[in-house]
Amino acid sequence: ASLALSSVINNVPKAVTFGIFLVMGFSSLSGNQLFERVWLWTIWDRTLYPRFRFVTRVPYASLHKYTVIQFFCFVVLYVLTSVSAVAVVFPFFMASLVFV
């Protein structure tokens, strides 16, 4: 079906395609635990934390330590994919994430 519509798809501007993927990315952030835990860094009063299962069942120090480690790994993955000189290391870093 996509081969039949390839002539129509070629007429869609790149900006429209990028916009669709941007909206899809922002809409998926609301269900992502990493970004919900990062958002907890902006709330200083722990009594105001939302009642998520991952917030109520884990000590706050462990929750924030895990979030820092996971966010650091996310930043490293982003850097590895964006810098072509070190992109060769990307598969090895992905394999090492199994042990984190």
N, C-alpha and C. Protein backbone atom coordinates (compact mmCIF):
# COMPACT_ATOMS: atom_id res chain seq x y z
N ALA A 1 0.82 -1.19 0.00
CA ALA A 1 0.00 0.00 0.00
C ALA A 1 0.87 1.26 0.00
N SER A 2 2.00 1.21 0.71
CA SER A 2 2.85 2.39 0.75
C SER A 2 3.54 2.64 -0.58
N LEU A 3 3.79 1.58 -1.35
CA LEU A 3 4.37 1.77 -2.67
C LEU A 3 3.41 2.48 -3.61
N ALA A 4 2.13 2.20 -3.45
CA ALA A 4 1.14 2.85 -4.30
C ALA A 4 1.00 4.33 -3.94
N LEU A 5 1.25 4.66 -2.68
CA LEU A 5 1.11 6.05 -2.23
C LEU A 5 2.44 6.81 -2.23
N SER A 6 3.49 6.23 -2.78
CA SER A 6 4.80 6.89 -2.72
C SER A 6 4.81 8.22 -3.48
N SER A 7 4.03 8.33 -4.54
CA SER A 7 3.99 9.61 -5.25
C SER A 7 3.31 10.69 -4.42
N VAL A 8 2.33 10.30 -3.62
CA VAL A 8 1.65 11.26 -2.74
C VAL A 8 2.56 11.64 -1.58
N ILE A 9 3.27 10.65 -1.03
CA ILE A 9 4.15 10.90 0.10
C ILE A 9 5.30 11.81 -0.30
N ASN A 10 5.77 11.72 -1.52
CA ASN A 10 6.85 12.59 -1.98
C ASN A 10 6.44 14.06 -2.03
N ASN A 11 5.15 14.33 -2.12
CA ASN A 11 4.68 15.71 -2.18
C ASN A 11 4.49 16.35 -0.81
N VAL A 12 4.58 15.57 0.26
CA VAL A 12 4.43 16.10 1.62
C VAL A 12 5.73 16.80 2.01
N PRO A 13 5.67 18.06 2.44
CA PRO A 13 6.89 18.78 2.81
C PRO A 13 7.56 18.16 4.05
N LYS A 14 8.88 18.30 4.11
CA LYS A 14 9.62 17.75 5.25
C LYS A 14 9.20 18.39 6.57
N ALA A 15 8.86 19.66 6.53
CA ALA A 15 8.46 20.35 7.76
C ALA A 15 7.21 19.72 8.36
N VAL A 16 6.31 19.28 7.52
CA VAL A 16 5.09 18.62 8.01
C VAL A 16 5.44 17.30 8.67
N THR A 17 6.33 16.55 8.03
CA THR A 17 6.75 15.27 8.60
C THR A 17 7.46 15.48 9.93
N PHE A 18 8.37 16.46 10.00
CA PHE A 18 9.06 16.75 11.25
C PHE A 18 8.08 17.19 12.34
N GLY A 19 7.08 17.97 11.97
CA GLY A 19 6.07 18.42 12.92
C GLY A 19 5.27 17.26 13.48
N ILE A 20 4.93 16.31 12.62
CA ILE A 20 4.17 15.15 13.09
C ILE A 20 4.99 14.36 14.10
N PHE A 21 6.27 14.14 13.79
CA PHE A 21 7.11 13.39 14.72
C PHE A 21 7.37 14.16 16.01
N LEU A 22 7.43 15.48 15.94
CA LEU A 22 7.60 16.29 17.14
C LEU A 22 6.38 16.18 18.05
N VAL A 23 5.20 16.25 17.47
CA VAL A 23 3.96 16.11 18.25
C VAL A 23 3.86 14.72 18.85
N MET A 24 4.22 13.71 18.07
CA MET A 24 4.18 12.34 18.59
C MET A 24 5.16 12.17 19.75
N GLY A 25 6.34 12.79 19.66
CA GLY A 25 7.32 12.70 20.73
C GLY A 25 6.85 13.38 22.01
N PHE A 26 6.30 14.58 21.88
CA PHE A 26 5.80 15.28 23.07
C PHE A 26 4.61 14.58 23.69
N SER A 27 3.77 13.98 22.89
CA SER A 27 2.61 13.29 23.45
C SER A 27 3.00 12.01 24.17
N SER A 28 4.14 11.43 23.82
CA SER A 28 4.56 10.20 24.50
C SER A 28 5.31 10.48 25.79
N LEU A 29 5.70 11.72 26.06
CA LEU A 29 6.43 12.04 27.28
C LEU A 29 5.58 11.88 28.53
N SER A 30 4.28 12.05 28.43
CA SER A 30 3.44 12.01 29.63
C SER A 30 3.39 10.63 30.26
N GLY A 31 3.63 9.58 29.52
CA GLY A 31 3.59 8.24 30.10
C GLY A 31 4.96 7.67 30.38
N ASN A 32 6.02 8.46 30.21
CA ASN A 32 7.37 7.97 30.38
C ASN A 32 7.82 8.22 31.82
N GLN A 33 8.19 7.16 32.53
CA GLN A 33 8.56 7.30 33.94
C GLN A 33 9.82 8.12 34.14
N LEU A 34 10.76 8.03 33.22
CA LEU A 34 11.99 8.81 33.38
C LEU A 34 11.68 10.30 33.43
N PHE A 35 10.88 10.79 32.51
CA PHE A 35 10.58 12.21 32.49
C PHE A 35 9.63 12.61 33.63
N GLU A 36 8.82 11.69 34.08
CA GLU A 36 7.98 11.99 35.26
C GLU A 36 8.84 12.09 36.51
N ARG A 37 9.88 11.24 36.62
CA ARG A 37 10.79 11.33 37.76
C ARG A 37 11.68 12.55 37.68
N VAL A 38 12.09 12.94 36.48
CA VAL A 38 12.87 14.18 36.33
C VAL A 38 12.01 15.37 36.73
N TRP A 39 10.73 15.33 36.40
CA TRP A 39 9.82 16.41 36.78
C TRP A 39 9.71 16.52 38.31
N LEU A 40 9.92 15.42 39.03
CA LEU A 40 9.88 15.47 40.50
C LEU A 40 11.00 16.33 41.08
N TRP A 41 12.08 16.54 40.32
CA TRP A 41 13.17 17.39 40.80
C TRP A 41 12.73 18.83 40.96
N THR A 42 11.65 19.23 40.29
CA THR A 42 11.18 20.61 40.40
C THR A 42 10.26 20.81 41.59
N ILE A 43 9.84 19.73 42.24
CA ILE A 43 8.94 19.82 43.40
C ILE A 43 9.77 19.63 44.65
N TRP A 44 9.89 20.65 45.46
CA TRP A 44 10.73 20.57 46.65
C TRP A 44 10.01 19.92 47.82
N ASP A 45 8.72 20.11 47.92
CA ASP A 45 7.96 19.54 49.03
C ASP A 45 7.52 18.13 48.67
N ARG A 46 8.02 17.14 49.41
CA ARG A 46 7.72 15.74 49.08
C ARG A 46 6.26 15.38 49.30
N THR A 47 5.58 16.15 50.10
CA THR A 47 4.16 15.85 50.31
C THR A 47 3.33 16.19 49.09
N LEU A 48 3.89 17.00 48.19
CA LEU A 48 3.19 17.37 46.96
C LEU A 48 3.48 16.43 45.80
N TYR A 49 4.32 15.40 46.04
CA TYR A 49 4.61 14.45 44.98
C TYR A 49 3.33 13.73 44.56
N PRO A 50 3.19 13.44 43.28
CA PRO A 50 2.01 12.67 42.85
C PRO A 50 2.07 11.26 43.40
N ARG A 51 0.94 10.64 43.52
CA ARG A 51 0.84 9.31 44.12
C ARG A 51 1.02 8.21 43.07
N PHE A 52 2.15 8.23 42.38
CA PHE A 52 2.48 7.15 41.46
C PHE A 52 3.01 5.97 42.25
N ARG A 53 2.87 4.78 41.69
CA ARG A 53 3.37 3.59 42.39
C ARG A 53 4.88 3.64 42.57
N PHE A 54 5.60 4.15 41.57
CA PHE A 54 7.06 4.19 41.68
C PHE A 54 7.53 5.26 42.64
N VAL A 55 6.65 6.16 43.06
CA VAL A 55 7.03 7.18 44.04
C VAL A 55 6.72 6.71 45.45
N THR A 56 5.61 6.03 45.64
CA THR A 56 5.20 5.65 46.99
C THR A 56 5.89 4.41 47.51
N ARG A 57 6.39 3.54 46.65
CA ARG A 57 6.95 2.26 47.10
C ARG A 57 8.47 2.25 47.21
N VAL A 58 9.13 3.32 46.81
CA VAL A 58 10.59 3.37 46.80
C VAL A 58 11.03 4.55 47.65
N PRO A 59 12.11 4.39 48.44
CA PRO A 59 12.63 5.55 49.19
C PRO A 59 13.06 6.67 48.23
N TYR A 60 12.88 7.90 48.68
CA TYR A 60 13.14 9.05 47.81
C TYR A 60 14.59 9.11 47.35
N ALA A 61 15.53 8.79 48.24
CA ALA A 61 16.95 8.85 47.87
C ALA A 61 17.25 7.83 46.76
N SER A 62 16.72 6.64 46.87
CA SER A 62 16.94 5.62 45.83
C SER A 62 16.29 6.03 44.52
N LEU A 63 15.12 6.62 44.61
CA LEU A 63 14.40 7.07 43.42
C LEU A 63 15.21 8.13 42.66
N HIS A 64 15.76 9.09 43.39
CA HIS A 64 16.51 10.16 42.74
C HIS A 64 17.88 9.67 42.24
N LYS A 65 18.52 8.76 42.97
CA LYS A 65 19.79 8.20 42.49
C LYS A 65 19.59 7.46 41.18
N TYR A 66 18.56 6.64 41.14
CA TYR A 66 18.28 5.88 39.92
C TYR A 66 17.94 6.82 38.76
N THR A 67 17.22 7.88 39.04
CA THR A 67 16.88 8.85 38.00
C THR A 67 18.12 9.54 37.46
N VAL A 68 19.05 9.90 38.33
CA VAL A 68 20.29 10.55 37.90
C VAL A 68 21.10 9.60 37.02
N ILE A 69 21.22 8.34 37.43
CA ILE A 69 21.96 7.35 36.63
C ILE A 69 21.29 7.16 35.27
N GLN A 70 19.98 7.02 35.27
CA GLN A 70 19.27 6.79 34.02
C GLN A 70 19.35 8.03 33.10
N PHE A 71 19.25 9.21 33.65
CA PHE A 71 19.35 10.43 32.86
C PHE A 71 20.76 10.59 32.29
N PHE A 72 21.78 10.26 33.08
CA PHE A 72 23.16 10.31 32.60
C PHE A 72 23.36 9.34 31.44
N CYS A 73 22.83 8.14 31.55
CA CYS A 73 22.93 7.17 30.46
C CYS A 73 22.20 7.67 29.21
N PHE A 74 21.07 8.33 29.39
CA PHE A 74 20.34 8.92 28.27
C PHE A 74 21.17 9.98 27.57
N VAL A 75 21.84 10.84 28.33
CA VAL A 75 22.67 11.89 27.75
C VAL A 75 23.86 11.27 27.01
N VAL A 76 24.47 10.24 27.59
CA VAL A 76 25.59 9.57 26.92
C VAL A 76 25.13 8.95 25.61
N LEU A 77 23.97 8.31 25.60
CA LEU A 77 23.44 7.73 24.37
C LEU A 77 23.19 8.79 23.32
N TYR A 78 22.67 9.92 23.73
CA TYR A 78 22.42 11.01 22.78
C TYR A 78 23.73 11.53 22.19
N VAL A 79 24.74 11.70 23.02
CA VAL A 79 26.03 12.18 22.54
C VAL A 79 26.66 11.16 21.60
N LEU A 80 26.58 9.89 21.94
CA LEU A 80 27.17 8.85 21.09
C LEU A 80 26.50 8.79 19.72
N THR A 81 25.22 9.06 19.66
CA THR A 81 24.55 9.01 18.36
C THR A 81 24.74 10.29 17.56
N SER A 82 25.01 11.41 18.22
CA SER A 82 25.12 12.67 17.48
C SER A 82 26.54 12.99 17.04
N VAL A 83 27.55 12.45 17.72
CA VAL A 83 28.95 12.69 17.35
C VAL A 83 29.42 11.50 16.53
N SER A 84 29.70 11.72 15.26
CA SER A 84 30.03 10.59 14.38
C SER A 84 31.39 9.99 14.69
N ALA A 85 32.30 10.73 15.32
CA ALA A 85 33.63 10.20 15.62
C ALA A 85 33.59 9.10 16.67
N VAL A 86 32.59 9.13 17.55
CA VAL A 86 32.50 8.13 18.61
C VAL A 86 31.28 7.22 18.44
N ALA A 87 30.64 7.31 17.30
CA ALA A 87 29.43 6.50 17.08
C ALA A 87 29.72 5.01 17.05
N VAL A 88 30.97 4.62 16.83
CA VAL A 88 31.35 3.22 16.82
C VAL A 88 31.16 2.58 18.19
N VAL A 89 31.26 3.38 19.24
CA VAL A 89 31.15 2.88 20.61
C VAL A 89 29.70 2.61 21.00
N PHE A 90 28.75 3.12 20.23
CA PHE A 90 27.33 3.01 20.58
C PHE A 90 26.87 1.58 20.88
N PRO A 91 27.17 0.57 20.06
CA PRO A 91 26.70 -0.79 20.38
C PRO A 91 27.28 -1.33 21.68
N PHE A 92 28.52 -0.98 21.98
CA PHE A 92 29.13 -1.45 23.22
C PHE A 92 28.50 -0.79 24.45
N PHE A 93 28.17 0.47 24.32
CA PHE A 93 27.48 1.15 25.42
C PHE A 93 26.09 0.57 25.63
N MET A 94 25.40 0.28 24.54
CA MET A 94 24.06 -0.34 24.66
C MET A 94 24.16 -1.69 25.34
N ALA A 95 25.18 -2.47 25.02
CA ALA A 95 25.37 -3.76 25.68
C ALA A 95 25.71 -3.60 27.15
N SER A 96 26.45 -2.54 27.49
CA SER A 96 26.79 -2.33 28.90
C SER A 96 25.60 -1.88 29.72
N LEU A 97 24.56 -1.32 29.09
CA LEU A 97 23.38 -0.90 29.84
C LEU A 97 22.61 -2.07 30.43
N VAL A 98 22.86 -3.25 29.94
CA VAL A 98 22.20 -4.44 30.49
C VAL A 98 22.61 -4.63 31.95
N PHE A 99 23.82 -4.23 32.29
CA PHE A 99 24.33 -4.44 33.64
C PHE A 99 24.06 -3.28 34.59
N VAL A 100 23.49 -2.20 34.10
CA VAL A 100 23.18 -1.04 34.95
C VAL A 100 21.84 -1.24 35.61
